[in-house]
Every structure is written in structure tokens, then in C-alpha cells.
Amino acid sequence: MNYITQPVAPQGDHPYRPDFGNIKVKMKATWEDGDYATFARFMQPGAEVILNNWQIPPGSHLLDIGCGSGQTAIPAARAGLKVTGVDIASNLIEHARERAQIEGLDAEFVVGDAEDLPYWNAEFDVVISLIGAMFAPRPESVAAELARVCRPGGRLHMANWTPEGFSATMFKCVGQYVPPPQGIAPPPLWGVEQIVEERLQDGFRDFRLERTYYPRWRYPFGTAQLVEFFRQHFGPVKKAFDGLDEYGQKSLRAELERIFSEYNIATDGTTELRGEYLDVSAVRR
């Protein structure tokens, strides 16, 4: 399987129709598995760099879709933005709430669906998603919601993994052992310039699309230990290992160690991942 063309299972003479309700239940369980709050600590420095590069004016009312444990929402609130974060994983929302409360920040966190956001039309000045909304199974619904909740003249910022980058390569490997749901658009298509414009063009204009690399993605240990770290803390990888027998786990571990080594640019026994993503900026029509 590749991320550009994904097989669709036939069902008699009718096209296969995915059970999106069941898919979302499984997605929620996957992202709530492991310990993403611990996992995200190593991505936090890069998230702050990306947020700063977006240059969002202080005082803006910002919605962070797929906010996780708050790796962009918390720094945004520290910078003087009025922040709302939404994520499908309830345990991550609880963690983000605790962080905001401890720091006394003006931030609200809500369990919600990127395809059906619980907000009014044009409620936000800025809508962002850092490696979040791209995983929702219906991109056309996501695109419509991104436009609906953003005010005219407001801004959209996204960071989406590209099909050729580290994360998509890792997910493709995992998908060979634990196949993803059939009939849904592969998430890394949100990292393809033409597809992003096609999805968003009805609601947005003035696109700025740039492929770049996730900054400061570093771990103080080698790639073999990093695979184990992903296995323990990153829900999609943990779920994959948990569903395999001993032989399958050994094979998956070897494949992931190879991929992690391929994308590691550190030379001192630690790991610095070179993960390509598409930086998306646009203005609401």
C-alpha cells in the first residue's frame, strides 16, 4: 500500500462505504492509548518554533484543532492569545487543562471532532492545526469546518506531514502489519500542495505553501531505544505492537529501527529526526 492510492474494498456492485462511526471510535482509542503527553515533550520545542514562525497577532482568538496535550495551545496562550483547543482524545484534553490551570493561562480545552466542531460560524480570528486535523477520516468535512469557524479575513495555519517524509514512511510501515481502514483518504495527502489547495479553495485564498522540516526534533538516545519509546508512548505504534505476535513484533521493530536510522541526522549516538512537513497558510475568503 502507498499513501497516494489506497485500495478500496468492493462490496458486490456497490462501492465500499466506510463505517466512519466505528473508525472514529477506534481512532479515539488509538490516540488515547500509550502516553502521548510524555511523547509530545520531545516535539514541544519544534512546535514552539513553528508557532512563532506563524506570527499570530497577540489578542487573537485562536482555535487549535487536534491540540493534543497543548504543545502549541499552551505556548500560544503564554504569548497573549485567547486560546481554545479541541482534540478527540479526552485524556489529552485533561492533561492540557491541567497545564493551563497550573500556569494560570487563558485557554479552554474541549473534547471534539475536527469534522464537526462545537463552535459558531466565524467565531475565531485564527485557526491552526499542528499535525492534528490531517488524521480525521473525511478531509472534505475538515476543510468545510476550517472555513466555517474562521472569520472572513482570518487566517489558517497548518503543519501536515508529507507523503515522502519520515512520519508517512513510518505509518506506511506500521500499516503493512496493521492495515488502516479501507476507503478513507490517506492522511499525508494533506501534505501535497495541489490537494491542499483543492480542498481549501472554496473557503480560503492567498495560499502560502512551503515544504520544510520539523525543527528541534531530538532525543537523547539512539534509534533502537527510540523505537521502544514510540512503542510505549505513541498510541498508533503501541496499538500495532500490541496486536502482533512475537514474530510480528520482532519484524516490525527491525523495520522501524531501519526507518528511524534512515531519517536520523545525528552522528553522536543520539537521534535527531528529519521529518518533512507542509507548512500551510491561507486567508479566509
C-alpha atoms as a PDB file:
ATOM      1  CA  MET A   1       0.000   0.000   0.000  1.00  0.00           C
ATOM      2  CA  ASN A   2       1.142   3.547  -0.615  1.00  0.00           C
ATOM      3  CA  TYR A   3      -0.244   6.881   0.503  1.00  0.00           C
ATOM      4  CA  ILE A   4      -1.240   8.150  -2.921  1.00  0.00           C
ATOM      5  CA  THR A   5      -3.511   5.308  -3.980  1.00  0.00           C
ATOM      6  CA  GLN A   6      -5.197   3.228  -1.314  1.00  0.00           C
ATOM      7  CA  PRO A   7      -7.222   0.148  -2.257  1.00  0.00           C
ATOM      8  CA  VAL A   8     -10.967   0.315  -1.768  1.00  0.00           C
ATOM      9  CA  ALA A   9     -12.718  -2.949  -0.976  1.00  0.00           C
ATOM     10  CA  PRO A  10     -15.566  -3.802  -3.357  1.00  0.00           C
ATOM     11  CA  GLN A  11     -18.937  -4.765  -1.958  1.00  0.00           C
ATOM     12  CA  GLY A  12     -20.909  -6.507  -4.670  1.00  0.00           C
ATOM     13  CA  ASP A  13     -21.732  -3.997  -7.387  1.00  0.00           C
ATOM     14  CA  HIS A  14     -21.596  -1.083  -4.945  1.00  0.00           C
ATOM     15  CA  PRO A  15     -18.604   0.977  -3.809  1.00  0.00           C
ATOM     16  CA  TYR A  16     -17.294   0.285  -0.340  1.00  0.00           C
ATOM     17  CA  ARG A  17     -18.694   2.708   2.258  1.00  0.00           C
ATOM     18  CA  PRO A  18     -16.550   3.082   5.339  1.00  0.00           C
ATOM     19  CA  ASP A  19     -18.222   2.936   8.752  1.00  0.00           C
ATOM     20  CA  PHE A  20     -16.994   6.325   9.942  1.00  0.00           C
ATOM     21  CA  GLY A  21     -18.598   5.959  13.357  1.00  0.00           C
ATOM     22  CA  ASN A  22     -16.632   2.801  14.039  1.00  0.00           C
ATOM     23  CA  ILE A  23     -13.482   4.291  12.512  1.00  0.00           C
ATOM     24  CA  LYS A  24     -13.652   7.271  14.868  1.00  0.00           C
ATOM     25  CA  VAL A  25     -14.219   5.088  17.908  1.00  0.00           C
ATOM     26  CA  LYS A  26     -11.039   3.185  17.028  1.00  0.00           C
ATOM     27  CA  MET A  27      -9.128   6.395  16.269  1.00  0.00           C
ATOM     28  CA  LYS A  28     -10.091   7.839  19.639  1.00  0.00           C
ATOM     29  CA  ALA A  29      -8.955   4.666  21.401  1.00  0.00           C
ATOM     30  CA  THR A  30      -5.664   4.720  19.500  1.00  0.00           C
ATOM     31  CA  TRP A  31      -4.786   8.312  20.374  1.00  0.00           C
ATOM     32  CA  GLU A  32      -5.804   7.762  23.992  1.00  0.00           C
ATOM     33  CA  ASP A  33      -3.538   4.715  24.249  1.00  0.00           C
ATOM     34  CA  GLY A  34       0.047   4.997  25.402  1.00  0.00           C
ATOM     35  CA  ASP A  35       1.182   8.293  26.939  1.00  0.00           C
ATOM     36  CA  TYR A  36       1.099  10.995  24.284  1.00  0.00           C
ATOM     37  CA  ALA A  37       1.685  13.746  26.835  1.00  0.00           C
ATOM     38  CA  THR A  38       5.112  12.231  27.553  1.00  0.00           C
ATOM     39  CA  PHE A  39       5.704  11.538  23.871  1.00  0.00           C
ATOM     40  CA  ALA A  40       4.925  15.158  22.908  1.00  0.00           C
ATOM     41  CA  ARG A  41       7.564  16.626  25.212  1.00  0.00           C
ATOM     42  CA  PHE A  42      10.261  15.941  22.640  1.00  0.00           C
ATOM     43  CA  MET A  43       8.202  17.657  19.929  1.00  0.00           C
ATOM     44  CA  GLN A  44       7.355  20.680  22.090  1.00  0.00           C
ATOM     45  CA  PRO A  45      10.454  22.765  21.163  1.00  0.00           C
ATOM     46  CA  GLY A  46       9.695  22.372  17.457  1.00  0.00           C
ATOM     47  CA  ALA A  47       6.032  23.190  17.992  1.00  0.00           C
ATOM     48  CA  GLU A  48       7.028  26.472  19.614  1.00  0.00           C
ATOM     49  CA  VAL A  49       9.295  27.349  16.684  1.00  0.00           C
ATOM     50  CA  ILE A  50       6.508  26.659  14.194  1.00  0.00           C
ATOM     51  CA  LEU A  51       4.021  28.697  16.229  1.00  0.00           C
ATOM     52  CA  ASN A  52       6.426  31.643  16.406  1.00  0.00           C
ATOM     53  CA  ASN A  53       7.001  31.479  12.649  1.00  0.00           C
ATOM     54  CA  TRP A  54       3.257  31.850  12.058  1.00  0.00           C
ATOM     55  CA  GLN A  55       3.451  35.323  13.689  1.00  0.00           C
ATOM     56  CA  ILE A  56      -0.087  35.365  15.074  1.00  0.00           C
ATOM     57  CA  PRO A  57      -1.018  38.809  16.482  1.00  0.00           C
ATOM     58  CA  PRO A  58      -1.408  38.972  20.286  1.00  0.00           C
ATOM     59  CA  GLY A  59      -5.005  39.100  21.421  1.00  0.00           C
ATOM     60  CA  SER A  60      -6.263  36.953  18.550  1.00  0.00           C
ATOM     61  CA  HIS A  61      -8.962  34.395  19.317  1.00  0.00           C
ATOM     62  CA  LEU A  62      -7.296  31.159  18.233  1.00  0.00           C
ATOM     63  CA  LEU A  63      -8.656  27.653  17.716  1.00  0.00           C
ATOM     64  CA  ASP A  64      -6.137  24.790  17.820  1.00  0.00           C
ATOM     65  CA  ILE A  65      -7.602  21.666  16.177  1.00  0.00           C
ATOM     66  CA  GLY A  66      -6.027  18.384  17.229  1.00  0.00           C
ATOM     67  CA  CYS A  67      -4.337  20.217  20.093  1.00  0.00           C
ATOM     68  CA  GLY A  68      -3.138  17.064  21.853  1.00  0.00           C
ATOM     69  CA  SER A  69      -1.752  17.847  25.294  1.00  0.00           C
ATOM     70  CA  GLY A  70      -1.300  21.509  24.373  1.00  0.00           C
ATOM     71  CA  GLN A  71       2.070  21.650  22.640  1.00  0.00           C
ATOM     72  CA  THR A  72       1.010  24.655  20.531  1.00  0.00           C
ATOM     73  CA  ALA A  73      -2.016  25.857  22.517  1.00  0.00           C
ATOM     74  CA  ILE A  74      -0.125  26.370  25.782  1.00  0.00           C
ATOM     75  CA  PRO A  75       2.699  28.450  24.215  1.00  0.00           C
ATOM     76  CA  ALA A  76       0.061  30.405  22.262  1.00  0.00           C
ATOM     77  CA  ALA A  77      -1.735  31.277  25.495  1.00  0.00           C
ATOM     78  CA  ARG A  78       1.568  32.302  27.076  1.00  0.00           C
ATOM     79  CA  ALA A  79       2.087  34.658  24.124  1.00  0.00           C
ATOM     80  CA  GLY A  80      -1.149  36.526  24.884  1.00  0.00           C
ATOM     81  CA  LEU A  81      -3.577  34.758  22.565  1.00  0.00           C
ATOM     82  CA  LYS A  82      -7.099  33.784  23.625  1.00  0.00           C
ATOM     83  CA  VAL A  83      -6.846  30.050  23.030  1.00  0.00           C
ATOM     84  CA  THR A  84      -9.346  27.255  22.543  1.00  0.00           C
ATOM     85  CA  GLY A  85      -8.050  23.743  21.923  1.00  0.00           C
ATOM     86  CA  VAL A  86     -10.041  20.766  20.679  1.00  0.00           C
ATOM     87  CA  ASP A  87      -8.997  17.124  20.383  1.00  0.00           C
ATOM     88  CA  ILE A  88     -10.665  13.741  20.007  1.00  0.00           C
ATOM     89  CA  ALA A  89      -8.648  12.226  22.882  1.00  0.00           C
ATOM     90  CA  SER A  90     -10.230  13.044  26.240  1.00  0.00           C
ATOM     91  CA  ASN A  91      -7.144  12.166  28.312  1.00  0.00           C
ATOM     92  CA  LEU A  92      -5.037  14.631  26.317  1.00  0.00           C
ATOM     93  CA  ILE A  93      -7.634  17.354  26.827  1.00  0.00           C
ATOM     94  CA  GLU A  94      -7.495  16.719  30.583  1.00  0.00           C
ATOM     95  CA  HIS A  95      -3.714  16.996  30.502  1.00  0.00           C
ATOM     96  CA  ALA A  96      -3.874  20.288  28.553  1.00  0.00           C
ATOM     97  CA  ARG A  97      -6.423  21.677  31.035  1.00  0.00           C
ATOM     98  CA  GLU A  98      -4.145  20.830  33.942  1.00  0.00           C
ATOM     99  CA  ARG A  99      -1.200  22.543  32.274  1.00  0.00           C
ATOM    100  CA  ALA A 100      -3.223  25.688  31.606  1.00  0.00           C
ATOM    101  CA  GLN A 101      -4.595  25.756  35.151  1.00  0.00           C
ATOM    102  CA  ILE A 102      -1.167  25.366  36.709  1.00  0.00           C
ATOM    103  CA  GLU A 103       0.149  28.300  34.664  1.00  0.00           C
ATOM    104  CA  GLY A 104      -2.982  30.417  35.067  1.00  0.00           C
ATOM    105  CA  LEU A 105      -3.442  30.745  31.311  1.00  0.00           C
ATOM    106  CA  ASP A 106      -6.460  31.977  29.342  1.00  0.00           C
ATOM    107  CA  ALA A 107      -7.093  28.734  27.488  1.00  0.00           C
ATOM    108  CA  GLU A 108     -10.092  26.440  27.119  1.00  0.00           C
ATOM    109  CA  PHE A 109      -9.818  22.783  26.097  1.00  0.00           C
ATOM    110  CA  VAL A 110     -12.716  20.718  24.774  1.00  0.00           C
ATOM    111  CA  VAL A 111     -13.130  17.131  23.562  1.00  0.00           C
ATOM    112  CA  GLY A 112     -14.361  17.418  19.991  1.00  0.00           C
ATOM    113  CA  ASP A 113     -14.267  16.291  16.391  1.00  0.00           C
ATOM    114  CA  ALA A 114     -12.423  18.175  13.639  1.00  0.00           C
ATOM    115  CA  GLU A 115     -15.225  17.200  11.262  1.00  0.00           C
ATOM    116  CA  ASP A 116     -17.984  18.622  13.480  1.00  0.00           C
ATOM    117  CA  LEU A 117     -16.616  21.446  15.596  1.00  0.00           C
ATOM    118  CA  PRO A 118     -18.784  22.684  18.504  1.00  0.00           C
ATOM    119  CA  TYR A 119     -18.396  26.376  17.638  1.00  0.00           C
ATOM    120  CA  TRP A 120     -20.305  29.195  15.946  1.00  0.00           C
ATOM    121  CA  ASN A 121     -19.666  30.349  12.404  1.00  0.00           C
ATOM    122  CA  ALA A 122     -16.785  32.850  12.112  1.00  0.00           C
ATOM    123  CA  GLU A 123     -16.012  32.537  15.840  1.00  0.00           C
ATOM    124  CA  PHE A 124     -12.197  32.601  15.552  1.00  0.00           C
ATOM    125  CA  ASP A 125      -9.617  35.043  14.193  1.00  0.00           C
ATOM    126  CA  VAL A 126      -7.081  32.278  13.582  1.00  0.00           C
ATOM    127  CA  VAL A 127      -7.440  28.522  13.146  1.00  0.00           C
ATOM    128  CA  ILE A 128      -4.371  26.301  13.449  1.00  0.00           C
ATOM    129  CA  SER A 129      -3.606  22.595  13.338  1.00  0.00           C
ATOM    130  CA  LEU A 130      -0.158  21.180  14.044  1.00  0.00           C
ATOM    131  CA  ILE A 131      -0.151  17.569  12.794  1.00  0.00           C
ATOM    132  CA  GLY A 132      -3.717  17.118  14.001  1.00  0.00           C
ATOM    133  CA  ALA A 133      -6.673  17.689  11.669  1.00  0.00           C
ATOM    134  CA  MET A 134      -4.872  15.776   8.908  1.00  0.00           C
ATOM    135  CA  PHE A 135      -5.757  12.481  10.640  1.00  0.00           C
ATOM    136  CA  ALA A 136      -9.538  12.957  10.549  1.00  0.00           C
ATOM    137  CA  PRO A 137     -11.004  10.434   8.060  1.00  0.00           C
ATOM    138  CA  ARG A 138     -13.118  12.846   5.964  1.00  0.00           C
ATOM    139  CA  PRO A 139     -10.949  15.681   4.638  1.00  0.00           C
ATOM    140  CA  GLU A 140     -13.836  17.397   2.859  1.00  0.00           C
ATOM    141  CA  SER A 141     -15.634  17.763   6.205  1.00  0.00           C
ATOM    142  CA  VAL A 142     -12.470  19.057   7.847  1.00  0.00           C
ATOM    143  CA  ALA A 143     -11.972  21.649   5.108  1.00  0.00           C
ATOM    144  CA  ALA A 144     -15.559  22.848   5.462  1.00  0.00           C
ATOM    145  CA  GLU A 145     -15.223  23.168   9.239  1.00  0.00           C
ATOM    146  CA  LEU A 146     -11.902  25.018   8.999  1.00  0.00           C
ATOM    147  CA  ALA A 147     -13.622  27.628   6.824  1.00  0.00           C
ATOM    148  CA  ARG A 148     -16.868  27.746   8.801  1.00  0.00           C
ATOM    149  CA  VAL A 149     -15.359  28.642  12.177  1.00  0.00           C
ATOM    150  CA  CYS A 150     -12.805  31.155  10.827  1.00  0.00           C
ATOM    151  CA  ARG A 151     -13.963  34.753  10.352  1.00  0.00           C
ATOM    152  CA  PRO A 152     -13.654  36.416   6.926  1.00  0.00           C
ATOM    153  CA  GLY A 153     -10.147  37.816   6.658  1.00  0.00           C
ATOM    154  CA  GLY A 154      -8.957  35.495   9.406  1.00  0.00           C
ATOM    155  CA  ARG A 155      -6.037  33.159   8.962  1.00  0.00           C
ATOM    156  CA  LEU A 156      -5.486  29.422   8.718  1.00  0.00           C
ATOM    157  CA  HIS A 157      -2.184  27.761   9.596  1.00  0.00           C
ATOM    158  CA  MET A 158      -1.482  24.047   9.327  1.00  0.00           C
ATOM    159  CA  ALA A 159       1.553  21.771   9.555  1.00  0.00           C
ATOM    160  CA  ASN A 160       0.930  18.451   7.784  1.00  0.00           C
ATOM    161  CA  TRP A 161       3.292  15.524   7.224  1.00  0.00           C
ATOM    162  CA  THR A 162       4.197  14.978   3.564  1.00  0.00           C
ATOM    163  CA  PRO A 163       3.844  11.580   1.841  1.00  0.00           C
ATOM    164  CA  GLU A 164       7.611  11.369   1.303  1.00  0.00           C
ATOM    165  CA  GLY A 165       8.682  12.268   4.852  1.00  0.00           C
ATOM    166  CA  PHE A 166       9.648  10.295   7.941  1.00  0.00           C
ATOM    167  CA  SER A 167       6.221  10.094   9.583  1.00  0.00           C
ATOM    168  CA  ALA A 168       4.383   8.918   6.468  1.00  0.00           C
ATOM    169  CA  THR A 169       7.109   6.312   5.898  1.00  0.00           C
ATOM    170  CA  MET A 170       6.714   5.121   9.475  1.00  0.00           C
ATOM    171  CA  PHE A 171       2.915   4.919   9.184  1.00  0.00           C
ATOM    172  CA  LYS A 172       3.190   3.030   5.896  1.00  0.00           C
ATOM    173  CA  CYS A 173       5.432   0.500   7.606  1.00  0.00           C
ATOM    174  CA  VAL A 174       3.001   0.098  10.507  1.00  0.00           C
ATOM    175  CA  GLY A 175       0.142  -0.214   8.001  1.00  0.00           C
ATOM    176  CA  GLN A 176       1.756  -3.293   6.463  1.00  0.00           C
ATOM    177  CA  TYR A 177       1.319  -5.051   9.793  1.00  0.00           C
ATOM    178  CA  VAL A 178      -1.926  -3.432  10.961  1.00  0.00           C
ATOM    179  CA  PRO A 179      -3.787  -2.167   7.859  1.00  0.00           C
ATOM    180  CA  PRO A 180      -5.568   1.201   8.177  1.00  0.00           C
ATOM    181  CA  PRO A 181      -9.318   1.469   7.491  1.00  0.00           C
ATOM    182  CA  GLN A 182     -10.199   0.990   3.845  1.00  0.00           C
ATOM    183  CA  GLY A 183     -11.893   3.607   1.741  1.00  0.00           C
ATOM    184  CA  ILE A 184     -10.648   6.725   3.543  1.00  0.00           C
ATOM    185  CA  ALA A 185      -8.234   9.333   2.238  1.00  0.00           C
ATOM    186  CA  PRO A 186      -4.661   8.750   3.461  1.00  0.00           C
ATOM    187  CA  PRO A 187      -3.714  11.489   5.981  1.00  0.00           C
ATOM    188  CA  PRO A 188      -0.422  12.524   4.279  1.00  0.00           C
ATOM    189  CA  LEU A 189      -2.374  13.804   1.268  1.00  0.00           C
ATOM    190  CA  TRP A 190      -2.760  16.911   3.442  1.00  0.00           C
ATOM    191  CA  GLY A 191       0.968  17.328   2.771  1.00  0.00           C
ATOM    192  CA  VAL A 192       0.514  17.624  -1.024  1.00  0.00           C
ATOM    193  CA  GLU A 193       0.304  21.223  -2.243  1.00  0.00           C
ATOM    194  CA  GLN A 194      -2.207  20.748  -5.058  1.00  0.00           C
ATOM    195  CA  ILE A 195      -4.538  18.631  -2.935  1.00  0.00           C
ATOM    196  CA  VAL A 196      -4.477  21.110  -0.056  1.00  0.00           C
ATOM    197  CA  GLU A 197      -5.431  23.978  -2.379  1.00  0.00           C
ATOM    198  CA  GLU A 198      -8.212  21.924  -3.951  1.00  0.00           C
ATOM    199  CA  ARG A 199      -9.642  21.039  -0.566  1.00  0.00           C
ATOM    200  CA  LEU A 200      -9.496  24.549   0.847  1.00  0.00           C
ATOM    201  CA  GLN A 201     -10.011  26.824  -2.162  1.00  0.00           C
ATOM    202  CA  ASP A 202     -13.759  27.358  -1.623  1.00  0.00           C
ATOM    203  CA  GLY A 203     -13.160  28.876   1.790  1.00  0.00           C
ATOM    204  CA  PHE A 204      -9.643  30.320   1.596  1.00  0.00           C
ATOM    205  CA  ARG A 205      -7.394  32.411  -0.647  1.00  0.00           C
ATOM    206  CA  ASP A 206      -3.805  33.714  -0.742  1.00  0.00           C
ATOM    207  CA  PHE A 207      -2.169  30.361  -0.068  1.00  0.00           C
ATOM    208  CA  ARG A 208       1.427  30.112   1.092  1.00  0.00           C
ATOM    209  CA  LEU A 209       2.656  26.519   0.942  1.00  0.00           C
ATOM    210  CA  GLU A 210       6.197  25.551   1.880  1.00  0.00           C
ATOM    211  CA  ARG A 211       7.820  22.186   2.467  1.00  0.00           C
ATOM    212  CA  THR A 212      10.251  22.261   5.342  1.00  0.00           C
ATOM    213  CA  TYR A 213      11.488  20.099   8.238  1.00  0.00           C
ATOM    214  CA  TYR A 214      10.145  19.815  11.749  1.00  0.00           C
ATOM    215  CA  PRO A 215      12.601  21.809  13.904  1.00  0.00           C
ATOM    216  CA  ARG A 216      14.430  20.587  17.002  1.00  0.00           C
ATOM    217  CA  TRP A 217      13.058  17.033  16.880  1.00  0.00           C
ATOM    218  CA  ARG A 218      15.748  15.488  19.092  1.00  0.00           C
ATOM    219  CA  TYR A 219      16.062  12.570  21.512  1.00  0.00           C
ATOM    220  CA  PRO A 220      18.990  11.945  23.893  1.00  0.00           C
ATOM    221  CA  PHE A 221      19.212   8.258  22.909  1.00  0.00           C
ATOM    222  CA  GLY A 222      19.741   6.110  19.837  1.00  0.00           C
ATOM    223  CA  THR A 223      17.263   4.811  17.286  1.00  0.00           C
ATOM    224  CA  ALA A 224      16.770   1.366  18.849  1.00  0.00           C
ATOM    225  CA  GLN A 225      15.770   2.956  22.153  1.00  0.00           C
ATOM    226  CA  LEU A 226      13.625   5.444  20.255  1.00  0.00           C
ATOM    227  CA  VAL A 227      11.599   2.637  18.681  1.00  0.00           C
ATOM    228  CA  GLU A 228      10.915   1.338  22.185  1.00  0.00           C
ATOM    229  CA  PHE A 229       9.955   4.858  23.278  1.00  0.00           C
ATOM    230  CA  PHE A 230       7.429   5.049  20.427  1.00  0.00           C
ATOM    231  CA  ARG A 231       6.157   1.594  21.334  1.00  0.00           C
ATOM    232  CA  GLN A 232       5.471   2.612  24.922  1.00  0.00           C
ATOM    233  CA  HIS A 233       4.143   6.131  24.429  1.00  0.00           C
ATOM    234  CA  PHE A 234       2.865   6.761  20.883  1.00  0.00           C
ATOM    235  CA  GLY A 235      -0.643   5.325  20.509  1.00  0.00           C
ATOM    236  CA  PRO A 236      -0.577   4.223  16.837  1.00  0.00           C
ATOM    237  CA  VAL A 237       2.731   2.379  17.245  1.00  0.00           C
ATOM    238  CA  LYS A 238       1.741   0.910  20.618  1.00  0.00           C
ATOM    239  CA  LYS A 239      -1.539  -0.387  19.177  1.00  0.00           C
ATOM    240  CA  ALA A 240       0.326  -2.005  16.294  1.00  0.00           C
ATOM    241  CA  PHE A 241       2.769  -3.839  18.561  1.00  0.00           C
ATOM    242  CA  ASP A 242       0.010  -4.906  20.941  1.00  0.00           C
ATOM    243  CA  GLY A 243      -1.869  -6.562  18.071  1.00  0.00           C
ATOM    244  CA  LEU A 244       1.047  -8.683  16.843  1.00  0.00           C
ATOM    245  CA  ASP A 245       2.525 -11.961  17.944  1.00  0.00           C
ATOM    246  CA  GLU A 246       6.168 -12.260  18.961  1.00  0.00           C
ATOM    247  CA  TYR A 247       7.386 -12.824  15.401  1.00  0.00           C
ATOM    248  CA  GLY A 248       5.395  -9.876  14.082  1.00  0.00           C
ATOM    249  CA  GLN A 249       6.673  -7.595  16.837  1.00  0.00           C
ATOM    250  CA  LYS A 250      10.270  -8.569  16.104  1.00  0.00           C
ATOM    251  CA  SER A 251       9.797  -7.910  12.392  1.00  0.00           C
ATOM    252  CA  LEU A 252       8.074  -4.550  12.952  1.00  0.00           C
ATOM    253  CA  ARG A 253      10.776  -3.469  15.388  1.00  0.00           C
ATOM    254  CA  ALA A 254      13.506  -4.229  12.854  1.00  0.00           C
ATOM    255  CA  GLU A 255      11.694  -2.305  10.111  1.00  0.00           C
ATOM    256  CA  LEU A 256      11.144   0.708  12.362  1.00  0.00           C
ATOM    257  CA  GLU A 257      14.762   0.721  13.512  1.00  0.00           C
ATOM    258  CA  ARG A 258      15.797   0.803   9.859  1.00  0.00           C
ATOM    259  CA  ILE A 259      13.433   3.709   9.084  1.00  0.00           C
ATOM    260  CA  PHE A 260      14.413   5.673  12.186  1.00  0.00           C
ATOM    261  CA  SER A 261      18.081   5.242  11.299  1.00  0.00           C
ATOM    262  CA  GLU A 262      17.434   6.359   7.718  1.00  0.00           C
ATOM    263  CA  TYR A 263      15.892   9.655   8.892  1.00  0.00           C
ATOM    264  CA  ASN A 264      18.318  10.264  11.769  1.00  0.00           C
ATOM    265  CA  ILE A 265      20.729  13.097  11.046  1.00  0.00           C
ATOM    266  CA  ALA A 266      22.561  12.938  14.402  1.00  0.00           C
ATOM    267  CA  THR A 267      26.021  11.354  14.419  1.00  0.00           C
ATOM    268  CA  ASP A 268      26.767  11.188  18.161  1.00  0.00           C
ATOM    269  CA  GLY A 269      24.650   8.234  19.250  1.00  0.00           C
ATOM    270  CA  THR A 270      21.537  10.338  19.816  1.00  0.00           C
ATOM    271  CA  THR A 271      18.625  10.825  17.414  1.00  0.00           C
ATOM    272  CA  GLU A 272      17.520  13.912  15.513  1.00  0.00           C
ATOM    273  CA  LEU A 273      14.699  13.091  13.120  1.00  0.00           C
ATOM    274  CA  ARG A 274      14.463  14.846   9.770  1.00  0.00           C
ATOM    275  CA  GLY A 275      10.703  14.949   9.313  1.00  0.00           C
ATOM    276  CA  GLU A 276       9.345  16.826   6.312  1.00  0.00           C
ATOM    277  CA  TYR A 277       6.020  18.651   6.602  1.00  0.00           C
ATOM    278  CA  LEU A 278       3.997  21.086   4.515  1.00  0.00           C
ATOM    279  CA  ASP A 279       3.541  24.482   6.143  1.00  0.00           C
ATOM    280  CA  VAL A 280       0.154  25.869   5.083  1.00  0.00           C
ATOM    281  CA  SER A 281      -1.023  29.441   5.490  1.00  0.00           C
ATOM    282  CA  ALA A 282      -4.143  30.960   3.924  1.00  0.00           C
ATOM    283  CA  VAL A 283      -6.689  33.758   4.393  1.00  0.00           C
ATOM    284  CA  ARG A 284     -10.402  33.151   4.884  1.00  0.00           C
ATOM    285  CA  ARG A 285     -12.467  34.456   1.967  1.00  0.00           C
END
